């Protein structure tokens, strides 16, 4: 029987959407995108200190770190705790309460932007063409990953996870024993220190979801070819027609709206140009004459 206790839905804070998800998928976990929550937080509590404490509470991987962040928030502004309590269960926004069975401690929806970038120009096309683009991308991804894993040397753990274990082993000198967490199924640097002290193999403590067998089973299936639209069976259902196209004023924008803190593409702002340099030279000559 398929269960959804180890699944999670990412969404924005919306009351209507939350009620619909609770009614349809009551067993599925919920998480809010902390990057979108931070926008509302910044409006209610501006300032770099409040911004830092918000992300400290959201990124806390242990009860001790979370409690200390909440204590600092209470000292600065007690109303911040009321604002956070309105978000609901803490498992929707702070890492130390995330379900460990999901094996992911992500609290942002950056992967959605990555998927949109993968679709490319198909995002601008009609729904059927968009779905066809998603199907093609998924077919290529399944085939390429299935072929790549056949050339791997190890037969127990995926190569990227082995590299992450090596990186964690290199960070042992910075261990302070204040923060801990294993929400993604990989031992943290504090657990790594204890594992090496006991002369154990760190790969034994990696979650089974990163094994090569699970990886192969994830990309084992394939997507069947879809017949041409002329070969689709006839159905006694009302025809779904698109909305009437209405061209907006001006040239349509193809770039997303960037946030205030996000970096702009292209060259940075020039500190000096030819006009300002000439103006400065004129002002200097004028000062000498006076």
Protein backbone atom coordinates (compact mmCIF):
# COMPACT_ATOMS: atom_id res chain seq x y z
CA UNK A 1 0.00 0.00 0.00
CA UNK A 2 1.35 3.40 -1.00
CA UNK A 3 1.71 5.82 1.90
CA UNK A 4 2.62 9.48 1.85
CA UNK A 5 4.07 9.83 5.35
CA UNK A 6 7.59 10.21 3.92
CA UNK A 7 6.53 12.78 1.30
CA UNK A 8 6.45 16.54 1.55
CA UNK A 9 4.74 19.35 -0.32
CA UNK A 10 6.46 22.72 -0.76
CA UNK A 11 4.18 25.73 -1.09
CA UNK A 12 3.75 29.35 -0.17
CA UNK A 13 1.75 30.49 2.82
CA UNK A 14 -1.81 30.55 1.50
CA UNK A 15 -4.88 29.71 3.58
CA UNK A 16 -7.05 28.41 0.72
CA UNK A 17 -4.24 26.24 -0.64
CA UNK A 18 -3.46 24.93 2.85
CA UNK A 19 -7.08 23.85 3.41
CA UNK A 20 -7.22 22.12 0.02
CA UNK A 21 -3.98 20.21 0.66
CA UNK A 22 -5.12 19.20 4.13
CA UNK A 23 -8.37 17.84 2.73
CA UNK A 24 -6.90 15.97 -0.25
CA UNK A 25 -3.51 14.86 1.14
CA UNK A 26 -3.85 14.81 4.89
CA UNK A 27 -0.93 12.38 5.32
CA UNK A 28 1.55 14.43 3.30
CA UNK A 29 3.94 16.71 5.17
CA UNK A 30 4.04 20.44 4.56
CA UNK A 31 6.85 22.94 4.25
CA UNK A 32 6.83 26.64 3.54
CA UNK A 33 9.45 28.37 1.44
CA UNK A 34 11.43 30.42 3.94
CA UNK A 35 12.64 32.74 1.20
CA UNK A 36 9.06 33.85 0.56
CA UNK A 37 8.36 34.00 4.29
CA UNK A 38 11.34 36.32 4.68
CA UNK A 39 9.67 38.89 2.41
CA UNK A 40 6.71 39.21 4.77
CA UNK A 41 9.09 39.11 7.73
CA UNK A 42 11.13 41.96 6.30
CA UNK A 43 8.04 44.13 5.95
CA UNK A 44 6.95 43.51 9.54
CA UNK A 45 10.40 43.56 11.15
CA UNK A 46 12.94 45.47 9.05
CA UNK A 47 16.62 45.65 9.82
CA UNK A 48 19.69 43.43 9.34
CA UNK A 49 19.53 42.06 12.90
CA UNK A 50 15.96 40.81 12.51
CA UNK A 51 16.88 39.35 9.13
CA UNK A 52 19.81 37.47 10.65
CA UNK A 53 17.79 36.09 13.56
CA UNK A 54 14.99 34.95 11.26
CA UNK A 55 17.33 32.81 9.18
CA UNK A 56 19.07 31.60 12.32
CA UNK A 57 15.76 30.24 13.60
CA UNK A 58 14.79 28.77 10.21
CA UNK A 59 18.16 27.12 9.67
CA UNK A 60 18.52 25.70 13.20
CA UNK A 61 19.31 21.98 12.98
CA UNK A 62 18.99 21.27 16.71
CA UNK A 63 16.64 22.19 19.55
CA UNK A 64 19.46 23.99 21.35
CA UNK A 65 20.22 26.29 18.40
CA UNK A 66 16.54 26.98 17.78
CA UNK A 67 15.88 27.83 21.41
CA UNK A 68 18.80 30.23 21.52
CA UNK A 69 17.61 31.99 18.34
CA UNK A 70 14.08 32.33 19.73
CA UNK A 71 15.47 33.74 23.00
CA UNK A 72 17.38 36.40 21.08
CA UNK A 73 14.26 37.26 19.08
CA UNK A 74 12.25 37.65 22.27
CA UNK A 75 14.83 40.04 23.70
CA UNK A 76 14.87 42.20 20.58
CA UNK A 77 11.14 42.19 19.82
CA UNK A 78 8.65 39.91 21.63
CA UNK A 79 6.05 40.32 18.87
CA UNK A 80 8.23 38.26 16.53
CA UNK A 81 7.29 35.11 18.43
CA UNK A 82 3.61 35.86 17.86
CA UNK A 83 4.29 36.31 14.14
CA UNK A 84 6.09 32.96 13.94
CA UNK A 85 3.39 31.18 15.94
CA UNK A 86 0.82 32.13 13.29
CA UNK A 87 2.72 30.03 10.75
CA UNK A 88 1.44 26.87 12.40
CA UNK A 89 3.49 23.81 13.19
CA UNK A 90 7.23 24.40 13.46
CA UNK A 91 7.84 21.45 11.14
CA UNK A 92 6.74 23.65 8.23
CA UNK A 93 9.55 26.20 8.49
CA UNK A 94 12.44 25.27 10.83
CA UNK A 95 14.94 22.54 10.00
CA UNK A 96 15.23 20.88 13.40
CA UNK A 97 11.55 19.84 13.19
CA UNK A 98 11.66 18.45 9.65
CA UNK A 99 10.67 14.83 9.16
CA UNK A 100 13.96 12.84 9.06
CA UNK A 101 12.35 10.16 6.86
CA UNK A 102 12.25 12.58 3.92
CA UNK A 103 16.07 12.82 3.88
CA UNK A 104 16.07 16.45 2.86
CA UNK A 105 16.58 19.61 4.91
CA UNK A 106 15.78 22.06 2.10
CA UNK A 107 13.67 25.03 3.21
CA UNK A 108 13.69 27.02 -0.06
CA UNK A 109 12.12 26.48 -3.48
CA UNK A 110 15.27 27.17 -5.49
CA UNK A 111 14.89 23.78 -7.19
CA UNK A 112 11.69 25.07 -8.81
CA UNK A 113 13.66 27.87 -10.49
CA UNK A 114 16.20 25.30 -11.63
CA UNK A 115 13.43 23.22 -13.19
CA UNK A 116 12.00 26.29 -14.92
CA UNK A 117 15.43 27.06 -16.36
CA UNK A 118 15.65 23.47 -17.63
CA UNK A 119 12.38 23.86 -19.53
CA UNK A 120 13.71 26.96 -21.25
CA UNK A 121 11.54 28.39 -24.01
CA UNK A 122 8.82 25.74 -23.48
CA UNK A 123 7.56 27.77 -20.51
CA UNK A 124 6.26 30.39 -22.93
CA UNK A 125 4.25 27.94 -25.03
CA UNK A 126 0.70 26.58 -24.66
CA UNK A 127 -0.11 23.90 -22.09
CA UNK A 128 0.03 20.88 -24.42
CA UNK A 129 3.35 22.02 -25.89
CA UNK A 130 4.65 22.69 -22.38
CA UNK A 131 3.70 19.18 -21.23
CA UNK A 132 5.37 17.72 -24.31
CA UNK A 133 8.54 19.62 -23.40
CA UNK A 134 8.39 18.25 -19.85
CA UNK A 135 7.96 14.74 -21.25
CA UNK A 136 11.01 15.10 -23.51
CA UNK A 137 13.18 16.48 -20.71
CA UNK A 138 12.11 13.66 -18.39
CA UNK A 139 12.79 10.98 -21.00
CA UNK A 140 16.29 12.30 -21.65
CA UNK A 141 16.98 12.57 -17.92
CA UNK A 142 15.90 8.98 -17.24
CA UNK A 143 17.98 7.59 -20.11
CA UNK A 144 21.12 9.63 -19.37
CA UNK A 145 21.12 8.85 -15.64
CA UNK A 146 20.47 5.17 -16.32
CA UNK A 147 23.45 5.02 -18.67
CA UNK A 148 25.74 7.04 -16.38
CA UNK A 149 25.32 4.78 -13.36
CA UNK A 150 26.49 1.78 -15.36
CA UNK A 151 30.00 3.26 -15.57
CA UNK A 152 30.43 3.97 -11.84
CA UNK A 153 33.21 2.07 -10.09
CA UNK A 154 31.57 1.65 -6.69
CA UNK A 155 28.57 -0.61 -6.24
CA UNK A 156 27.36 0.58 -2.83
CA UNK A 157 27.14 4.40 -2.60
CA UNK A 158 26.70 7.02 -5.33
CA UNK A 159 29.89 8.97 -6.22
CA UNK A 160 28.50 12.39 -5.28
CA UNK A 161 27.68 11.16 -1.78
CA UNK A 162 31.20 9.77 -1.41
CA UNK A 163 32.57 13.20 -2.32
CA UNK A 164 30.31 14.85 0.27
CA UNK A 165 31.58 12.44 2.92
CA UNK A 166 35.14 13.41 2.02
CA UNK A 167 34.26 17.09 2.34
CA UNK A 168 32.71 16.51 5.77
CA UNK A 169 35.84 14.68 6.90
CA UNK A 170 37.89 17.70 5.87
CA UNK A 171 35.75 20.02 8.03
CA UNK A 172 36.36 18.18 11.30
CA UNK A 173 38.80 20.81 12.53
CA UNK A 174 35.97 23.35 12.76
CA UNK A 175 33.79 21.14 14.98
CA UNK A 176 32.42 23.06 17.99
CA UNK A 177 29.84 20.50 19.23
CA UNK A 178 27.18 23.22 19.38
CA UNK A 179 25.19 22.40 16.27
CA UNK A 180 24.22 19.02 14.92
CA UNK A 181 21.89 17.60 12.33
CA UNK A 182 21.43 14.74 9.92
CA UNK A 183 18.25 15.71 8.16
CA UNK A 184 19.56 14.69 4.74
CA UNK A 185 20.66 11.17 5.71
CA UNK A 186 24.40 11.96 5.65
CA UNK A 187 26.46 12.20 8.87
CA UNK A 188 27.32 15.75 9.85
CA UNK A 189 30.86 16.73 10.83
CA UNK A 190 30.13 16.18 14.54
CA UNK A 191 28.79 12.70 13.94
CA UNK A 192 31.72 12.09 11.59
CA UNK A 193 34.17 12.84 14.39
CA UNK A 194 32.49 10.26 16.63
CA UNK A 195 32.42 7.69 13.80
CA UNK A 196 36.13 8.07 13.06
CA UNK A 197 36.97 8.01 16.76
CA UNK A 198 35.27 4.61 16.95
CA UNK A 199 37.27 3.42 13.89
CA UNK A 200 34.08 2.90 11.90
CA UNK A 201 33.44 3.41 8.20
CA UNK A 202 31.39 6.60 7.64
CA UNK A 203 29.71 5.08 4.58
CA UNK A 204 27.92 2.59 6.83
CA UNK A 205 25.98 5.46 8.39
CA UNK A 206 24.76 6.90 5.09
CA UNK A 207 21.04 6.45 4.43
CA UNK A 208 19.98 3.64 2.12
CA UNK A 209 18.31 6.14 -0.22
CA UNK A 210 21.80 7.09 -1.51
CA UNK A 211 22.73 3.53 -2.43
CA UNK A 212 23.40 2.55 -6.01
CA UNK A 213 20.58 0.01 -5.96
CA UNK A 214 17.99 2.64 -5.04
CA UNK A 215 19.43 5.02 -7.63
CA UNK A 216 19.08 2.42 -10.39
CA UNK A 217 15.52 1.59 -9.37
CA UNK A 218 14.63 5.30 -9.42
CA UNK A 219 15.66 5.62 -13.08
CA UNK A 220 14.66 2.10 -14.17
CA UNK A 221 11.26 2.98 -15.60
CA UNK A 222 10.72 4.79 -18.88
CA UNK A 223 8.04 6.89 -20.53
CA UNK A 224 6.12 5.29 -23.35
CA UNK A 225 5.66 7.05 -26.65
CA UNK A 226 2.44 9.00 -27.07
CA UNK A 227 0.50 8.58 -30.35
CA UNK A 228 -0.16 11.54 -32.57
CA UNK A 229 -3.14 13.73 -31.75
CA UNK A 230 -4.96 12.48 -34.83
CA UNK A 231 -4.91 8.95 -33.34
CA UNK A 232 -6.45 9.94 -30.02
CA UNK A 233 -9.80 8.23 -29.25
CA UNK A 234 -12.95 10.27 -29.52
CA UNK A 235 -14.59 11.30 -26.26
CA UNK A 236 -18.06 12.59 -25.50
CA UNK A 237 -16.77 15.46 -23.39
CA UNK A 238 -16.97 19.23 -23.82
CA UNK A 239 -14.07 20.70 -25.72
CA UNK A 240 -11.64 22.74 -23.67
CA UNK A 241 -10.68 25.86 -25.60
CA UNK A 242 -7.99 28.35 -24.60
CA UNK A 243 -8.74 31.86 -23.49
CA UNK A 244 -8.86 34.62 -26.02
CA UNK A 245 -5.41 36.10 -26.56
CA UNK A 246 -5.14 39.72 -25.53
CA UNK A 247 -1.93 41.54 -26.17
CA UNK A 248 -0.75 43.75 -23.35
CA UNK A 249 0.66 47.24 -23.61
CA UNK A 250 4.33 47.44 -24.49
CA UNK A 251 6.84 44.71 -25.15
CA UNK A 252 6.28 41.58 -23.04
CA UNK A 253 8.98 40.90 -20.50
CA UNK A 254 10.79 37.55 -20.63
CA UNK A 255 12.94 38.06 -17.54
CA UNK A 256 11.67 37.31 -14.08
CA UNK A 257 11.24 40.03 -11.49
CA UNK A 258 14.37 40.01 -9.39
CA UNK A 259 14.38 40.69 -5.69
CA UNK A 260 16.17 43.54 -4.01
CA UNK A 261 18.90 41.28 -2.64
CA UNK A 262 19.45 39.25 -5.84
CA UNK A 263 22.38 40.06 -8.11
CA UNK A 264 21.78 41.64 -11.47
CA UNK A 265 23.07 40.09 -14.65
CA UNK A 266 25.70 41.79 -16.75
CA UNK A 267 28.32 44.30 -15.76
CA UNK A 268 28.30 46.03 -12.45
CA UNK A 269 27.62 49.73 -12.07
CA UNK A 270 30.50 51.86 -13.28
CA UNK A 271 31.92 54.22 -10.74
CA UNK A 272 33.24 56.62 -13.33
CA UNK A 273 32.59 57.37 -16.99
CA UNK A 274 33.91 59.83 -19.51
CA UNK A 275 31.32 62.52 -18.73
CA UNK A 276 31.90 62.44 -14.97
CA UNK A 277 35.70 62.44 -15.47
CA UNK A 278 35.51 65.52 -17.70
CA UNK A 279 33.21 67.23 -15.23
CA UNK A 280 35.67 66.52 -12.40
CA UNK A 281 38.57 67.97 -14.42
CA UNK A 282 36.59 71.14 -15.15
CA UNK A 283 35.74 71.56 -11.47
CA UNK A 284 39.39 71.15 -10.49
CA UNK A 285 40.53 73.80 -12.99
CA UNK A 286 37.82 76.14 -11.78
CA UNK A 287 38.97 75.67 -8.20
CA UNK A 288 42.57 76.56 -9.16
CA UNK A 289 41.47 79.74 -10.92
CA UNK A 290 39.47 80.88 -7.91
